[in-house]
Amino acid sequence: YEKMVDEAMFDDFNSPKALSYLFEIFKTMQRKLDEGDESVVADYNGVKKAYNLLGLFKNSSKDVLASCEEKEDSIPDEIKDLAEKRWQAKKDRDFATADQLRNELTQKGYTILDSKDGYEIKKV
């Protein structure tokens, strides 16, 4: 598919066609993942290269899968505990405590991004 994406882009920058090939890559990757096939990493590298060509892949210098794993592991347990306490305080409608814990996390160099179902911890 990688070659097909390149050919589409060289055909008067036919990005709709290139994106349709990327969709096929994603379907193939999903099928392989569903079957437990570890070769999906090779497909991922092809997608990454195609995204670079289209200018859609923001982080071309790192493997995104690896950086996602590093991100989760790089947050100290102390920060995770504070974030969980803050989330519980927010669910209990104890907003003063939630704000205090958010400030403490900010002082330690982290920020919390809330959603309706949870939160995400980010290093500032």
PDB file of N, CA and C in Angstrom:
ATOM      1  N   TYR A   1       0.815  -1.204   0.000  1.00  0.00           N
ATOM      2  CA  TYR A   1       0.000   0.000   0.000  1.00  0.00           C
ATOM      3  C   TYR A   1       0.854   1.261   0.000  1.00  0.00           C
ATOM      4  N   GLU A   2       2.003   1.176   0.636  1.00  0.00           N
ATOM      5  CA  GLU A   2       2.870   2.343   0.717  1.00  0.00           C
ATOM      6  C   GLU A   2       3.209   2.858  -0.684  1.00  0.00           C
ATOM      7  N   LYS A   3       3.537   1.939  -1.577  1.00  0.00           N
ATOM      8  CA  LYS A   3       3.865   2.315  -2.953  1.00  0.00           C
ATOM      9  C   LYS A   3       2.647   2.936  -3.629  1.00  0.00           C
ATOM     10  N   MET A   4       1.462   2.399  -3.350  1.00  0.00           N
ATOM     11  CA  MET A   4       0.233   2.919  -3.949  1.00  0.00           C
ATOM     12  C   MET A   4      -0.045   4.343  -3.459  1.00  0.00           C
ATOM     13  N   VAL A   5       0.224   4.597  -2.191  1.00  0.00           N
ATOM     14  CA  VAL A   5       0.034   5.944  -1.652  1.00  0.00           C
ATOM     15  C   VAL A   5       0.980   6.903  -2.354  1.00  0.00           C
ATOM     16  N   ASP A   6       2.245   6.495  -2.520  1.00  0.00           N
ATOM     17  CA  ASP A   6       3.217   7.340  -3.223  1.00  0.00           C
ATOM     18  C   ASP A   6       2.755   7.641  -4.646  1.00  0.00           C
ATOM     19  N   GLU A   7       2.302   6.611  -5.347  1.00  0.00           N
ATOM     20  CA  GLU A   7       1.849   6.795  -6.725  1.00  0.00           C
ATOM     21  C   GLU A   7       0.662   7.750  -6.797  1.00  0.00           C
ATOM     22  N   ALA A   8      -0.254   7.637  -5.850  1.00  0.00           N
ATOM     23  CA  ALA A   8      -1.405   8.540  -5.835  1.00  0.00           C
ATOM     24  C   ALA A   8      -0.960   9.978  -5.620  1.00  0.00           C
ATOM     25  N   MET A   9       0.009  10.183  -4.776  1.00  0.00           N
ATOM     26  CA  MET A   9       0.474  11.532  -4.509  1.00  0.00           C
ATOM     27  C   MET A   9       1.221  12.114  -5.718  1.00  0.00           C
ATOM     28  N   PHE A  10       1.897  11.269  -6.469  1.00  0.00           N
ATOM     29  CA  PHE A  10       2.592  11.740  -7.666  1.00  0.00           C
ATOM     30  C   PHE A  10       1.645  11.914  -8.847  1.00  0.00           C
ATOM     31  N   ASP A  11       0.423  11.456  -8.727  1.00  0.00           N
ATOM     32  CA  ASP A  11      -0.605  11.625  -9.741  1.00  0.00           C
ATOM     33  C   ASP A  11      -1.378  12.909  -9.437  1.00  0.00           C
ATOM     34  N   ASP A  12      -0.763  14.041  -9.689  1.00  0.00           N
ATOM     35  CA  ASP A  12      -1.360  15.352  -9.425  1.00  0.00           C
ATOM     36  C   ASP A  12      -1.831  15.505  -7.985  1.00  0.00           C
ATOM     37  N   PHE A  13      -1.035  14.988  -7.064  1.00  0.00           N
ATOM     38  CA  PHE A  13      -1.330  15.109  -5.627  1.00  0.00           C
ATOM     39  C   PHE A  13      -2.745  14.628  -5.326  1.00  0.00           C
ATOM     40  N   ASN A  14      -3.023  13.414  -5.732  1.00  0.00           N
ATOM     41  CA  ASN A  14      -4.356  12.827  -5.577  1.00  0.00           C
ATOM     42  C   ASN A  14      -4.540  12.337  -4.133  1.00  0.00           C
ATOM     43  N   SER A  15      -4.700  13.290  -3.212  1.00  0.00           N
ATOM     44  CA  SER A  15      -4.805  12.938  -1.793  1.00  0.00           C
ATOM     45  C   SER A  15      -6.047  12.113  -1.459  1.00  0.00           C
ATOM     46  N   PRO A  16      -7.199  12.300  -2.115  1.00  0.00           N
ATOM     47  CA  PRO A  16      -8.334  11.415  -1.793  1.00  0.00           C
ATOM     48  C   PRO A  16      -8.003   9.942  -2.061  1.00  0.00           C
ATOM     49  N   LYS A  17      -7.323   9.692  -3.170  1.00  0.00           N
ATOM     50  CA  LYS A  17      -6.941   8.321  -3.498  1.00  0.00           C
ATOM     51  C   LYS A  17      -5.930   7.796  -2.478  1.00  0.00           C
ATOM     52  N   ALA A  18      -4.959   8.644  -2.110  1.00  0.00           N
ATOM     53  CA  ALA A  18      -3.957   8.243  -1.124  1.00  0.00           C
ATOM     54  C   ALA A  18      -4.618   7.922   0.213  1.00  0.00           C
ATOM     55  N   LEU A  19      -5.579   8.733   0.618  1.00  0.00           N
ATOM     56  CA  LEU A  19      -6.276   8.489   1.883  1.00  0.00           C
ATOM     57  C   LEU A  19      -7.091   7.200   1.831  1.00  0.00           C
ATOM     58  N   SER A  20      -7.637   6.881   0.650  1.00  0.00           N
ATOM     59  CA  SER A  20      -8.380   5.623   0.546  1.00  0.00           C
ATOM     60  C   SER A  20      -7.437   4.435   0.724  1.00  0.00           C
ATOM     61  N   TYR A  21      -6.198   4.557   0.234  1.00  0.00           N
ATOM     62  CA  TYR A  21      -5.216   3.493   0.440  1.00  0.00           C
ATOM     63  C   TYR A  21      -4.846   3.399   1.921  1.00  0.00           C
ATOM     64  N   LEU A  22      -4.735   4.546   2.571  1.00  0.00           N
ATOM     65  CA  LEU A  22      -4.439   4.531   4.010  1.00  0.00           C
ATOM     66  C   LEU A  22      -5.561   3.831   4.772  1.00  0.00           C
ATOM     67  N   PHE A  23      -6.794   4.060   4.356  1.00  0.00           N
ATOM     68  CA  PHE A  23      -7.930   3.394   4.990  1.00  0.00           C
ATOM     69  C   PHE A  23      -7.780   1.877   4.847  1.00  0.00           C
ATOM     70  N   GLU A  24      -7.358   1.432   3.676  1.00  0.00           N
ATOM     71  CA  GLU A  24      -7.138  -0.005   3.462  1.00  0.00           C
ATOM     72  C   GLU A  24      -6.040  -0.526   4.381  1.00  0.00           C
ATOM     73  N   ILE A  25      -5.007   0.266   4.579  1.00  0.00           N
ATOM     74  CA  ILE A  25      -3.930  -0.131   5.495  1.00  0.00           C
ATOM     75  C   ILE A  25      -4.485  -0.300   6.903  1.00  0.00           C
ATOM     76  N   PHE A  26      -5.309   0.654   7.330  1.00  0.00           N
ATOM     77  CA  PHE A  26      -5.881   0.565   8.674  1.00  0.00           C
ATOM     78  C   PHE A  26      -6.754  -0.675   8.827  1.00  0.00           C
ATOM     79  N   LYS A  27      -7.541  -0.973   7.789  1.00  0.00           N
ATOM     80  CA  LYS A  27      -8.369  -2.175   7.857  1.00  0.00           C
ATOM     81  C   LYS A  27      -7.507  -3.427   7.966  1.00  0.00           C
ATOM     82  N   THR A  28      -6.418  -3.474   7.214  1.00  0.00           N
ATOM     83  CA  THR A  28      -5.511  -4.621   7.260  1.00  0.00           C
ATOM     84  C   THR A  28      -4.868  -4.730   8.639  1.00  0.00           C
ATOM     85  N   MET A  29      -4.442  -3.588   9.180  1.00  0.00           N
ATOM     86  CA  MET A  29      -3.829  -3.593  10.506  1.00  0.00           C
ATOM     87  C   MET A  29      -4.819  -4.089  11.556  1.00  0.00           C
ATOM     88  N   GLN A  30      -6.061  -3.625  11.476  1.00  0.00           N
ATOM     89  CA  GLN A  30      -7.064  -4.027  12.457  1.00  0.00           C
ATOM     90  C   GLN A  30      -7.338  -5.523  12.368  1.00  0.00           C
ATOM     91  N   ARG A  31      -7.444  -6.033  11.142  1.00  0.00           N
ATOM     92  CA  ARG A  31      -7.681  -7.464  10.959  1.00  0.00           C
ATOM     93  C   ARG A  31      -6.534  -8.268  11.563  1.00  0.00           C
ATOM     94  N   LYS A  32      -5.298  -7.832  11.324  1.00  0.00           N
ATOM     95  CA  LYS A  32      -4.138  -8.541  11.867  1.00  0.00           C
ATOM     96  C   LYS A  32      -4.121  -8.482  13.390  1.00  0.00           C
ATOM     97  N   LEU A  33      -4.466  -7.326  13.918  1.00  0.00           N
ATOM     98  CA  LEU A  33      -4.516  -7.211  15.378  1.00  0.00           C
ATOM     99  C   LEU A  33      -5.569  -8.143  15.955  1.00  0.00           C
ATOM    100  N   ASP A  34      -6.719  -8.205  15.306  1.00  0.00           N
ATOM    101  CA  ASP A  34      -7.802  -9.076  15.761  1.00  0.00           C
ATOM    102  C   ASP A  34      -7.386 -10.541  15.740  1.00  0.00           C
ATOM    103  N   GLU A  35      -6.518 -10.892  14.799  1.00  0.00           N
ATOM    104  CA  GLU A  35      -6.040 -12.267  14.672  1.00  0.00           C
ATOM    105  C   GLU A  35      -4.812 -12.538  15.542  1.00  0.00           C
ATOM    106  N   GLY A  36      -4.310 -11.498  16.231  1.00  0.00           N
ATOM    107  CA  GLY A  36      -3.142 -11.656  17.082  1.00  0.00           C
ATOM    108  C   GLY A  36      -1.827 -11.659  16.323  1.00  0.00           C
ATOM    109  N   ASP A  37      -1.816 -11.137  15.111  1.00  0.00           N
ATOM    110  CA  ASP A  37      -0.626 -11.113  14.263  1.00  0.00           C
ATOM    111  C   ASP A  37       0.263  -9.927  14.651  1.00  0.00           C
ATOM    112  N   GLU A  38       1.489 -10.218  15.077  1.00  0.00           N
ATOM    113  CA  GLU A  38       2.408  -9.171  15.523  1.00  0.00           C
ATOM    114  C   GLU A  38       3.061  -8.418  14.363  1.00  0.00           C
ATOM    115  N   SER A  39       2.855  -8.860  13.135  1.00  0.00           N
ATOM    116  CA  SER A  39       3.485  -8.192  11.998  1.00  0.00           C
ATOM    117  C   SER A  39       2.856  -6.832  11.709  1.00  0.00           C
ATOM    118  N   VAL A  40       1.860  -6.465  12.464  1.00  0.00           N
ATOM    119  CA  VAL A  40       1.191  -5.184  12.260  1.00  0.00           C
ATOM    120  C   VAL A  40       2.171  -4.016  12.434  1.00  0.00           C
ATOM    121  N   VAL A  41       3.254  -4.235  13.133  1.00  0.00           N
ATOM    122  CA  VAL A  41       4.255  -3.182  13.325  1.00  0.00           C
ATOM    123  C   VAL A  41       4.831  -2.757  11.976  1.00  0.00           C
ATOM    124  N   ALA A  42       5.078  -3.714  11.082  1.00  0.00           N
ATOM    125  CA  ALA A  42       5.585  -3.382   9.752  1.00  0.00           C
ATOM    126  C   ALA A  42       4.570  -2.537   8.993  1.00  0.00           C
ATOM    127  N   ASP A  43       3.296  -2.890   9.100  1.00  0.00           N
ATOM    128  CA  ASP A  43       2.246  -2.093   8.461  1.00  0.00           C
ATOM    129  C   ASP A  43       2.215  -0.689   9.057  1.00  0.00           C
ATOM    130  N   TYR A  44       2.377  -0.610  10.358  1.00  0.00           N
ATOM    131  CA  TYR A  44       2.373   0.687  11.035  1.00  0.00           C
ATOM    132  C   TYR A  44       3.467   1.589  10.480  1.00  0.00           C
ATOM    133  N   ASN A  45       4.665   1.029  10.259  1.00  0.00           N
ATOM    134  CA  ASN A  45       5.767   1.827   9.724  1.00  0.00           C
ATOM    135  C   ASN A  45       5.438   2.362   8.334  1.00  0.00           C
ATOM    136  N   GLY A  46       4.736   1.576   7.530  1.00  0.00           N
ATOM    137  CA  GLY A  46       4.305   2.051   6.225  1.00  0.00           C
ATOM    138  C   GLY A  46       3.308   3.187   6.333  1.00  0.00           C
ATOM    139  N   VAL A  47       2.389   3.067   7.270  1.00  0.00           N
ATOM    140  CA  VAL A  47       1.411   4.132   7.493  1.00  0.00           C
ATOM    141  C   VAL A  47       2.123   5.404   7.936  1.00  0.00           C
ATOM    142  N   LYS A  48       3.066   5.247   8.819  1.00  0.00           N
ATOM    143  CA  LYS A  48       3.810   6.409   9.309  1.00  0.00           C
ATOM    144  C   LYS A  48       4.508   7.122   8.151  1.00  0.00           C
ATOM    145  N   LYS A  49       5.126   6.359   7.261  1.00  0.00           N
ATOM    146  CA  LYS A  49       5.809   6.965   6.117  1.00  0.00           C
ATOM    147  C   LYS A  49       4.810   7.677   5.216  1.00  0.00           C
ATOM    148  N   ALA A  50       3.663   7.055   4.976  1.00  0.00           N
ATOM    149  CA  ALA A  50       2.648   7.676   4.131  1.00  0.00           C
ATOM    150  C   ALA A  50       2.112   8.952   4.773  1.00  0.00           C
ATOM    151  N   TYR A  51       1.900   8.910   6.067  1.00  0.00           N
ATOM    152  CA  TYR A  51       1.438  10.109   6.755  1.00  0.00           C
ATOM    153  C   TYR A  51       2.454  11.225   6.630  1.00  0.00           C
ATOM    154  N   ASN A  52       3.726  10.897   6.735  1.00  0.00           N
ATOM    155  CA  ASN A  52       4.761  11.920   6.575  1.00  0.00           C
ATOM    156  C   ASN A  52       4.650  12.574   5.209  1.00  0.00           C
ATOM    157  N   LEU A  53       4.420  11.773   4.185  1.00  0.00           N
ATOM    158  CA  LEU A  53       4.279  12.285   2.831  1.00  0.00           C
ATOM    159  C   LEU A  53       3.105  13.247   2.733  1.00  0.00           C
ATOM    160  N   LEU A  54       2.011  12.931   3.418  1.00  0.00           N
ATOM    161  CA  LEU A  54       0.819  13.774   3.385  1.00  0.00           C
ATOM    162  C   LEU A  54       0.886  14.933   4.374  1.00  0.00           C
ATOM    163  N   GLY A  55       1.868  14.929   5.251  1.00  0.00           N
ATOM    164  CA  GLY A  55       1.976  15.986   6.251  1.00  0.00           C
ATOM    165  C   GLY A  55       0.975  15.836   7.369  1.00  0.00           C
ATOM    166  N   LEU A  56       0.464  14.615   7.593  1.00  0.00           N
ATOM    167  CA  LEU A  56      -0.543  14.401   8.625  1.00  0.00           C
ATOM    168  C   LEU A  56       0.034  13.840   9.910  1.00  0.00           C
ATOM    169  N   PHE A  57       1.230  13.323   9.858  1.00  0.00           N
ATOM    170  CA  PHE A  57       1.808  12.644  11.010  1.00  0.00           C
ATOM    171  C   PHE A  57       2.716  13.614  11.739  1.00  0.00           C
ATOM    172  N   LYS A  58       2.272  14.093  12.877  1.00  0.00           N
ATOM    173  CA  LYS A  58       2.968  15.164  13.578  1.00  0.00           C
ATOM    174  C   LYS A  58       4.325  14.752  14.125  1.00  0.00           C
ATOM    175  N   ASN A  59       4.454  13.545  14.638  1.00  0.00           N
ATOM    176  CA  ASN A  59       5.657  13.145  15.349  1.00  0.00           C
ATOM    177  C   ASN A  59       6.447  12.131  14.528  1.00  0.00           C
ATOM    178  N   SER A  60       7.147  12.603  13.514  1.00  0.00           N
ATOM    179  CA  SER A  60       7.827  11.682  12.614  1.00  0.00           C
ATOM    180  C   SER A  60       9.147  11.166  13.178  1.00  0.00           C
ATOM    181  N   SER A  61       9.701  11.801  14.188  1.00  0.00           N
ATOM    182  CA  SER A  61      10.996  11.369  14.692  1.00  0.00           C
ATOM    183  C   SER A  61      10.897  10.254  15.723  1.00  0.00           C
ATOM    184  N   LYS A  62       9.696   9.989  16.242  1.00  0.00           N
ATOM    185  CA  LYS A  62       9.513   8.946  17.252  1.00  0.00           C
ATOM    186  C   LYS A  62       8.461   7.964  16.784  1.00  0.00           C
ATOM    187  N   ASP A  63       8.563   6.782  17.257  1.00  0.00           N
ATOM    188  CA  ASP A  63       7.520   5.798  17.020  1.00  0.00           C
ATOM    189  C   ASP A  63       6.385   6.113  17.971  1.00  0.00           C
ATOM    190  N   VAL A  64       5.211   6.389  17.434  1.00  0.00           N
ATOM    191  CA  VAL A  64       4.090   6.822  18.266  1.00  0.00           C
ATOM    192  C   VAL A  64       3.678   5.758  19.259  1.00  0.00           C
ATOM    193  N   LEU A  65       3.675   4.506  18.837  1.00  0.00           N
ATOM    194  CA  LEU A  65       3.295   3.447  19.775  1.00  0.00           C
ATOM    195  C   LEU A  65       4.246   3.428  20.962  1.00  0.00           C
ATOM    196  N   ALA A  66       5.536   3.552  20.704  1.00  0.00           N
ATOM    197  CA  ALA A  66       6.513   3.555  21.792  1.00  0.00           C
ATOM    198  C   ALA A  66       6.349   4.787  22.661  1.00  0.00           C
ATOM    199  N   SER A  67       6.084   5.936  22.054  1.00  0.00           N
ATOM    200  CA  SER A  67       5.959   7.153  22.857  1.00  0.00           C
ATOM    201  C   SER A  67       4.712   7.105  23.730  1.00  0.00           C
ATOM    202  N   CYS A  68       3.655   6.445  23.262  1.00  0.00           N
ATOM    203  CA  CYS A  68       2.458   6.295  24.095  1.00  0.00           C
ATOM    204  C   CYS A  68       2.769   5.434  25.305  1.00  0.00           C
ATOM    205  N   GLU A  69       3.516   4.358  25.116  1.00  0.00           N
ATOM    206  CA  GLU A  69       3.891   3.497  26.235  1.00  0.00           C
ATOM    207  C   GLU A  69       4.784   4.245  27.203  1.00  0.00           C
ATOM    208  N   GLU A  70       5.747   5.023  26.671  1.00  0.00           N
ATOM    209  CA  GLU A  70       6.639   5.790  27.527  1.00  0.00           C
ATOM    210  C   GLU A  70       5.871   6.823  28.326  1.00  0.00           C
ATOM    211  N   LYS A  71       4.883   7.474  27.689  1.00  0.00           N
ATOM    212  CA  LYS A  71       4.127   8.525  28.355  1.00  0.00           C
ATOM    213  C   LYS A  71       3.457   7.989  29.617  1.00  0.00           C
ATOM    214  N   GLU A  72       2.808   6.851  29.513  1.00  0.00           N
ATOM    215  CA  GLU A  72       2.113   6.271  30.660  1.00  0.00           C
ATOM    216  C   GLU A  72       3.108   5.874  31.741  1.00  0.00           C
ATOM    217  N   ASP A  73       4.219   5.277  31.351  1.00  0.00           N
ATOM    218  CA  ASP A  73       5.204   4.807  32.321  1.00  0.00           C
ATOM    219  C   ASP A  73       6.012   5.943  32.934  1.00  0.00           C
ATOM    220  N   SER A  74       6.099   7.085  32.263  1.00  0.00           N
ATOM    221  CA  SER A  74       6.952   8.160  32.747  1.00  0.00           C
ATOM    222  C   SER A  74       6.278   9.021  33.812  1.00  0.00           C
ATOM    223  N   ILE A  75       5.006   8.822  34.079  1.00  0.00           N
ATOM    224  CA  ILE A  75       4.312   9.594  35.108  1.00  0.00           C
ATOM    225  C   ILE A  75       4.522   8.899  36.440  1.00  0.00           C
ATOM    226  N   PRO A  76       5.124   9.600  37.398  1.00  0.00           N
ATOM    227  CA  PRO A  76       5.392   8.993  38.705  1.00  0.00           C
ATOM    228  C   PRO A  76       4.108   8.571  39.417  1.00  0.00           C
ATOM    229  N   ASP A  77       4.224   7.531  40.232  1.00  0.00           N
ATOM    230  CA  ASP A  77       3.070   7.027  40.984  1.00  0.00           C
ATOM    231  C   ASP A  77       2.472   8.098  41.882  1.00  0.00           C
ATOM    232  N   GLU A  78       3.310   8.948  42.464  1.00  0.00           N
ATOM    233  CA  GLU A  78       2.827  10.029  43.334  1.00  0.00           C
ATOM    234  C   GLU A  78       1.861  10.938  42.562  1.00  0.00           C
ATOM    235  N   ILE A  79       2.212  11.248  41.323  1.00  0.00           N
ATOM    236  CA  ILE A  79       1.366  12.121  40.490  1.00  0.00           C
ATOM    237  C   ILE A  79       0.071  11.400  40.135  1.00  0.00           C
ATOM    238  N   LYS A  80       0.172  10.123  39.791  1.00  0.00           N
ATOM    239  CA  LYS A  80      -1.023   9.333  39.473  1.00  0.00           C
ATOM    240  C   LYS A  80      -1.968   9.278  40.677  1.00  0.00           C
ATOM    241  N   ASP A  81      -1.392   9.109  41.874  1.00  0.00           N
ATOM    242  CA  ASP A  81      -2.213   9.053  43.089  1.00  0.00           C
ATOM    243  C   ASP A  81      -2.924  10.386  43.338  1.00  0.00           C
ATOM    244  N   LEU A  82      -2.184  11.499  43.181  1.00  0.00           N
ATOM    245  CA  LEU A  82      -2.800  12.814  43.362  1.00  0.00           C
ATOM    246  C   LEU A  82      -3.917  13.038  42.348  1.00  0.00           C
ATOM    247  N   ALA A  83      -3.675  12.637  41.126  1.00  0.00           N
ATOM    248  CA  ALA A  83      -4.689  12.811  40.085  1.00  0.00           C
ATOM    249  C   ALA A  83      -5.936  11.983  40.397  1.00  0.00           C
ATOM    250  N   GLU A  84      -5.727  10.776  40.897  1.00  0.00           N
ATOM    251  CA  GLU A  84      -6.868   9.922  41.230  1.00  0.00           C
ATOM    252  C   GLU A  84      -7.649  10.507  42.415  1.00  0.00           C
ATOM    253  N   LYS A  85      -6.932  11.025  43.416  1.00  0.00           N
ATOM    254  CA  LYS A  85      -7.615  11.672  44.550  1.00  0.00           C
ATOM    255  C   LYS A  85      -8.404  12.890  44.083  1.00  0.00           C
ATOM    256  N   ARG A  86      -7.811  13.659  43.167  1.00  0.00           N
ATOM    257  CA  ARG A  86      -8.495  14.832  42.639  1.00  0.00           C
ATOM    258  C   ARG A  86      -9.761  14.418  41.892  1.00  0.00           C
ATOM    259  N   TRP A  87      -9.650  13.360  41.090  1.00  0.00           N
ATOM    260  CA  TRP A  87     -10.804  12.888  40.336  1.00  0.00           C
ATOM    261  C   TRP A  87     -11.927  12.444  41.276  1.00  0.00           C
ATOM    262  N   GLN A  88     -11.548  11.749  42.345  1.00  0.00           N
ATOM    263  CA  GLN A  88     -12.545  11.298  43.310  1.00  0.00           C
ATOM    264  C   GLN A  88     -13.191  12.482  44.020  1.00  0.00           C
ATOM    265  N   ALA A  89     -12.380  13.486  44.380  1.00  0.00           N
ATOM    266  CA  ALA A  89     -12.925  14.683  45.021  1.00  0.00           C
ATOM    267  C   ALA A  89     -13.900  15.389  44.075  1.00  0.00           C
ATOM    268  N   LYS A  90     -13.552  15.444  42.818  1.00  0.00           N
ATOM    269  CA  LYS A  90     -14.434  16.075  41.844  1.00  0.00           C
ATOM    270  C   LYS A  90     -15.742  15.292  41.713  1.00  0.00           C
ATOM    271  N   LYS A  91     -15.653  13.962  41.671  1.00  0.00           N
ATOM    272  CA  LYS A  91     -16.868  13.140  41.594  1.00  0.00           C
ATOM    273  C   LYS A  91     -17.726  13.312  42.842  1.00  0.00           C
ATOM    274  N   ASP A  92     -17.072  13.530  44.004  1.00  0.00           N
ATOM    275  CA  ASP A  92     -17.792  13.740  45.256  1.00  0.00           C
ATOM    276  C   ASP A  92     -18.270  15.187  45.413  1.00  0.00           C
ATOM    277  N   ARG A  93     -18.021  16.000  44.393  1.00  0.00           N
ATOM    278  CA  ARG A  93     -18.408  17.408  44.366  1.00  0.00           C
ATOM    279  C   ARG A  93     -17.705  18.226  45.442  1.00  0.00           C
ATOM    280  N   ASP A  94     -16.520  17.780  45.844  1.00  0.00           N
ATOM    281  CA  ASP A  94     -15.673  18.512  46.788  1.00  0.00           C
ATOM    282  C   ASP A  94     -14.685  19.334  45.961  1.00  0.00           C
ATOM    283  N   PHE A  95     -15.197  20.425  45.397  1.00  0.00           N
ATOM    284  CA  PHE A  95     -14.431  21.191  44.429  1.00  0.00           C
ATOM    285  C   PHE A  95     -13.252  21.929  45.055  1.00  0.00           C
ATOM    286  N   ALA A  96     -13.348  22.286  46.320  1.00  0.00           N
ATOM    287  CA  ALA A  96     -12.223  22.959  46.983  1.00  0.00           C
ATOM    288  C   ALA A  96     -11.023  22.018  47.045  1.00  0.00           C
ATOM    289  N   THR A  97     -11.255  20.779  47.444  1.00  0.00           N
ATOM    290  CA  THR A  97     -10.169  19.786  47.494  1.00  0.00           C
ATOM    291  C   THR A  97      -9.655  19.483  46.091  1.00  0.00           C
ATOM    292  N   ALA A  98     -10.560  19.352  45.134  1.00  0.00           N
ATOM    293  CA  ALA A  98     -10.157  19.088  43.749  1.00  0.00           C
ATOM    294  C   ALA A  98      -9.266  20.210  43.220  1.00  0.00           C
ATOM    295  N   ASP A  99      -9.627  21.460  43.510  1.00  0.00           N
ATOM    296  CA  ASP A  99      -8.814  22.600  43.078  1.00  0.00           C
ATOM    297  C   ASP A  99      -7.454  22.606  43.770  1.00  0.00           C
ATOM    298  N   GLN A 100      -7.444  22.284  45.051  1.00  0.00           N
ATOM    299  CA  GLN A 100      -6.184  22.230  45.801  1.00  0.00           C
ATOM    300  C   GLN A 100      -5.256  21.171  45.192  1.00  0.00           C
ATOM    301  N   LEU A 101      -5.810  20.011  44.901  1.00  0.00           N
ATOM    302  CA  LEU A 101      -4.998  18.935  44.316  1.00  0.00           C
ATOM    303  C   LEU A 101      -4.536  19.298  42.903  1.00  0.00           C
ATOM    304  N   ARG A 102      -5.382  19.981  42.137  1.00  0.00           N
ATOM    305  CA  ARG A 102      -4.970  20.433  40.803  1.00  0.00           C
ATOM    306  C   ARG A 102      -3.797  21.398  40.924  1.00  0.00           C
ATOM    307  N   ASN A 103      -3.879  22.331  41.877  1.00  0.00           N
ATOM    308  CA  ASN A 103      -2.781  23.283  42.087  1.00  0.00           C
ATOM    309  C   ASN A 103      -1.493  22.565  42.483  1.00  0.00           C
ATOM    310  N   GLU A 104      -1.620  21.557  43.331  1.00  0.00           N
ATOM    311  CA  GLU A 104      -0.455  20.780  43.742  1.00  0.00           C
ATOM    312  C   GLU A 104       0.169  20.068  42.540  1.00  0.00           C
ATOM    313  N   LEU A 105      -0.664  19.500  41.690  1.00  0.00           N
ATOM    314  CA  LEU A 105      -0.161  18.840  40.479  1.00  0.00           C
ATOM    315  C   LEU A 105       0.521  19.844  39.552  1.00  0.00           C
ATOM    316  N   THR A 106      -0.053  21.035  39.437  1.00  0.00           N
ATOM    317  CA  THR A 106       0.531  22.077  38.587  1.00  0.00           C
ATOM    318  C   THR A 106       1.897  22.488  39.120  1.00  0.00           C
ATOM    319  N   GLN A 107       2.016  22.640  40.451  1.00  0.00           N
ATOM    320  CA  GLN A 107       3.298  22.997  41.065  1.00  0.00           C
ATOM    321  C   GLN A 107       4.357  21.918  40.821  1.00  0.00           C
ATOM    322  N   LYS A 108       3.922  20.681  40.668  1.00  0.00           N
ATOM    323  CA  LYS A 108       4.850  19.574  40.422  1.00  0.00           C
ATOM    324  C   LYS A 108       5.135  19.384  38.926  1.00  0.00           C
ATOM    325  N   GLY A 109       4.535  20.255  38.085  1.00  0.00           N
ATOM    326  CA  GLY A 109       4.829  20.222  36.660  1.00  0.00           C
ATOM    327  C   GLY A 109       3.897  19.386  35.816  1.00  0.00           C
ATOM    328  N   TYR A 110       2.685  19.130  36.304  1.00  0.00           N
ATOM    329  CA  TYR A 110       1.714  18.325  35.557  1.00  0.00           C
ATOM    330  C   TYR A 110       0.396  19.066  35.457  1.00  0.00           C
ATOM    331  N   THR A 111      -0.348  18.741  34.436  1.00  0.00           N
ATOM    332  CA  THR A 111      -1.679  19.300  34.276  1.00  0.00           C
ATOM    333  C   THR A 111      -2.657  18.147  34.043  1.00  0.00           C
ATOM    334  N   ILE A 112      -3.901  18.401  34.348  1.00  0.00           N
ATOM    335  CA  ILE A 112      -4.945  17.397  34.207  1.00  0.00           C
ATOM    336  C   ILE A 112      -5.931  17.878  33.145  1.00  0.00           C
ATOM    337  N   LEU A 113      -6.218  17.004  32.197  1.00  0.00           N
ATOM    338  CA  LEU A 113      -7.225  17.288  31.182  1.00  0.00           C
ATOM    339  C   LEU A 113      -8.422  16.386  31.466  1.00  0.00           C
ATOM    340  N   ASP A 114      -9.534  16.986  31.829  1.00  0.00           N
ATOM    341  CA  ASP A 114     -10.728  16.228  32.190  1.00  0.00           C
ATOM    342  C   ASP A 114     -11.602  15.958  30.976  1.00  0.00           C
ATOM    343  N   SER A 115     -12.276  14.830  31.030  1.00  0.00           N
ATOM    344  CA  SER A 115     -13.333  14.514  30.077  1.00  0.00           C
ATOM    345  C   SER A 115     -14.513  14.029  30.898  1.00  0.00           C
ATOM    346  N   LYS A 116     -15.603  13.712  30.247  1.00  0.00           N
ATOM    347  CA  LYS A 116     -16.766  13.298  31.017  1.00  0.00           C
ATOM    348  C   LYS A 116     -16.555  11.948  31.697  1.00  0.00           C
ATOM    349  N   ASP A 117     -15.668  11.109  31.150  1.00  0.00           N
ATOM    350  CA  ASP A 117     -15.463   9.767  31.688  1.00  0.00           C
ATOM    351  C   ASP A 117     -14.159   9.584  32.460  1.00  0.00           C
ATOM    352  N   GLY A 118     -13.339  10.610  32.534  1.00  0.00           N
ATOM    353  CA  GLY A 118     -12.063  10.441  33.219  1.00  0.00           C
ATOM    354  C   GLY A 118     -11.163  11.642  33.027  1.00  0.00           C
ATOM    355  N   TYR A 119      -9.875  11.382  33.050  1.00  0.00           N
ATOM    356  CA  TYR A 119      -8.901  12.453  32.954  1.00  0.00           C
ATOM    357  C   TYR A 119      -7.639  11.918  32.301  1.00  0.00           C
ATOM    358  N   GLU A 120      -6.796  12.860  31.886  1.00  0.00           N
ATOM    359  CA  GLU A 120      -5.495  12.521  31.320  1.00  0.00           C
ATOM    360  C   GLU A 120      -4.455  13.403  31.997  1.00  0.00           C
ATOM    361  N   ILE A 121      -3.345  12.819  32.371  1.00  0.00           N
ATOM    362  CA  ILE A 121      -2.263  13.556  33.011  1.00  0.00           C
ATOM    363  C   ILE A 121      -1.253  13.922  31.937  1.00  0.00           C
ATOM    364  N   LYS A 122      -0.832  15.188  31.921  1.00  0.00           N
ATOM    365  CA  LYS A 122       0.174  15.646  30.966  1.00  0.00           C
ATOM    366  C   LYS A 122       1.290  16.366  31.698  1.00  0.00           C
ATOM    367  N   LYS A 123       2.505  16.137  31.261  1.00  0.00           N
ATOM    368  CA  LYS A 123       3.668  16.867  31.776  1.00  0.00           C
ATOM    369  C   LYS A 123       3.674  18.228  31.125  1.00  0.00           C
ATOM    370  N   VAL A 124       3.851  19.275  31.941  1.00  0.00           N
ATOM    371  CA  VAL A 124       3.854  20.646  31.413  1.00  0.00           C
ATOM    372  C   VAL A 124       5.203  20.963  30.817  1.00  0.00           C
TER     373      VAL A 124
END
